[in-house]
Amino acid sequence: MGDKLDEAKGTELTAGGFGIAPAGMNHFAWTTSDTIIQVHGDGPFTITYVNPADDPSKK
C-alpha cells in the first residue's frame, strides 16, 4: 500500500491467494513471471495511476 512501490514491504501471493484494498487506497502489484490476475469488486471499476506516466494505455 502507499504512493510508491516498495518491494521490501510487499506480500507474496501464491496460487489461490488474495489481497483486499479499500476504495481509494493507493496500492501496487508486480510480478516476476507470467501471472493471471482476477479482480473482483463492486462497480463501477476504474484504475487511477498515482503516476500517470505508469499508465500503459498512454504509451
C-alpha atoms as a PDB file:
ATOM      1  CA  MET A   1       0.000   0.000   0.000  1.00  0.00           C
ATOM      2  CA  GLY A   2       1.122   3.586  -0.448  1.00  0.00           C
ATOM      3  CA  ASP A   3       2.103   6.103  -3.089  1.00  0.00           C
ATOM      4  CA  LYS A   4       5.392   4.431  -4.140  1.00  0.00           C
ATOM      5  CA  LEU A   5       6.302   0.826  -4.842  1.00  0.00           C
ATOM      6  CA  ASP A   6       8.416  -0.650  -2.044  1.00  0.00           C
ATOM      7  CA  GLU A   7       9.104  -4.307  -2.867  1.00  0.00           C
ATOM      8  CA  ALA A   8      10.560  -4.840   0.624  1.00  0.00           C
ATOM      9  CA  LYS A   9       7.090  -4.229   2.092  1.00  0.00           C
ATOM     10  CA  GLY A  10       5.322  -6.484  -0.422  1.00  0.00           C
ATOM     11  CA  THR A  11       3.448  -9.663   0.397  1.00  0.00           C
ATOM     12  CA  GLU A  12       3.794 -12.662  -1.908  1.00  0.00           C
ATOM     13  CA  LEU A  13       0.527 -14.155  -3.078  1.00  0.00           C
ATOM     14  CA  THR A  14       0.650 -17.730  -4.324  1.00  0.00           C
ATOM     15  CA  ALA A  15      -1.954 -19.577  -6.415  1.00  0.00           C
ATOM     16  CA  GLY A  16      -5.360 -19.018  -4.836  1.00  0.00           C
ATOM     17  CA  GLY A  17      -4.083 -16.137  -2.675  1.00  0.00           C
ATOM     18  CA  PHE A  18      -5.894 -12.819  -2.465  1.00  0.00           C
ATOM     19  CA  GLY A  19      -5.481  -9.271  -1.253  1.00  0.00           C
ATOM     20  CA  ILE A  20      -8.008  -6.664  -0.207  1.00  0.00           C
ATOM     21  CA  ALA A  21      -7.634  -2.917  -0.785  1.00  0.00           C
ATOM     22  CA  PRO A  22     -10.257  -0.436   0.398  1.00  0.00           C
ATOM     23  CA  ALA A  23     -11.737   2.036  -2.082  1.00  0.00           C
ATOM     24  CA  GLY A  24      -9.421   4.971  -2.687  1.00  0.00           C
ATOM     25  CA  MET A  25      -6.371   3.193  -1.210  1.00  0.00           C
ATOM     26  CA  ASN A  26      -3.221   3.585  -3.317  1.00  0.00           C
ATOM     27  CA  HIS A  27      -1.566   0.209  -3.777  1.00  0.00           C
ATOM     28  CA  PHE A  28       0.821  -1.590  -6.108  1.00  0.00           C
ATOM     29  CA  ALA A  29       1.219  -5.040  -7.610  1.00  0.00           C
ATOM     30  CA  TRP A  30       4.060  -6.576  -9.585  1.00  0.00           C
ATOM     31  CA  THR A  31       5.039  -9.953 -10.942  1.00  0.00           C
ATOM     32  CA  THR A  32       8.332 -11.625 -11.767  1.00  0.00           C
ATOM     33  CA  SER A  33       6.815 -14.296 -14.033  1.00  0.00           C
ATOM     34  CA  ASP A  34       3.736 -14.896 -16.188  1.00  0.00           C
ATOM     35  CA  THR A  35       0.708 -14.309 -13.994  1.00  0.00           C
ATOM     36  CA  ILE A  36      -3.071 -14.399 -14.281  1.00  0.00           C
ATOM     37  CA  ILE A  37      -4.864 -11.874 -12.087  1.00  0.00           C
ATOM     38  CA  GLN A  38      -8.587 -11.887 -11.372  1.00  0.00           C
ATOM     39  CA  VAL A  39     -10.092  -8.681  -9.966  1.00  0.00           C
ATOM     40  CA  HIS A  40     -13.418  -8.547  -8.129  1.00  0.00           C
ATOM     41  CA  GLY A  41     -15.203  -5.509  -6.815  1.00  0.00           C
ATOM     42  CA  ASP A  42     -18.399  -3.521  -6.693  1.00  0.00           C
ATOM     43  CA  GLY A  43     -18.707  -1.322  -9.775  1.00  0.00           C
ATOM     44  CA  PRO A  44     -18.066   0.984 -11.293  1.00  0.00           C
ATOM     45  CA  PHE A  45     -14.407  -0.042 -11.510  1.00  0.00           C
ATOM     46  CA  THR A  46     -11.592   2.276 -12.576  1.00  0.00           C
ATOM     47  CA  ILE A  47      -7.826   2.255 -12.364  1.00  0.00           C
ATOM     48  CA  THR A  48      -6.232   5.557 -11.395  1.00  0.00           C
ATOM     49  CA  TYR A  49      -2.448   5.676 -11.675  1.00  0.00           C
ATOM     50  CA  VAL A  50      -0.667   7.567  -8.881  1.00  0.00           C
ATOM     51  CA  ASN A  51       1.937   8.448 -11.517  1.00  0.00           C
ATOM     52  CA  PRO A  52       0.109   8.994 -14.831  1.00  0.00           C
ATOM     53  CA  ALA A  53       3.342   8.090 -16.682  1.00  0.00           C
ATOM     54  CA  ASP A  54       2.847   4.479 -15.463  1.00  0.00           C
ATOM     55  CA  ASP A  55      -0.446   4.141 -17.372  1.00  0.00           C
ATOM     56  CA  PRO A  56       0.274   1.646 -20.201  1.00  0.00           C
ATOM     57  CA  SER A  57      -2.628   2.991 -22.282  1.00  0.00           C
ATOM     58  CA  LYS A  58      -0.742   6.303 -22.603  1.00  0.00           C
ATOM     59  CA  LYS A  59       2.378   4.693 -24.137  1.00  0.00           C
END
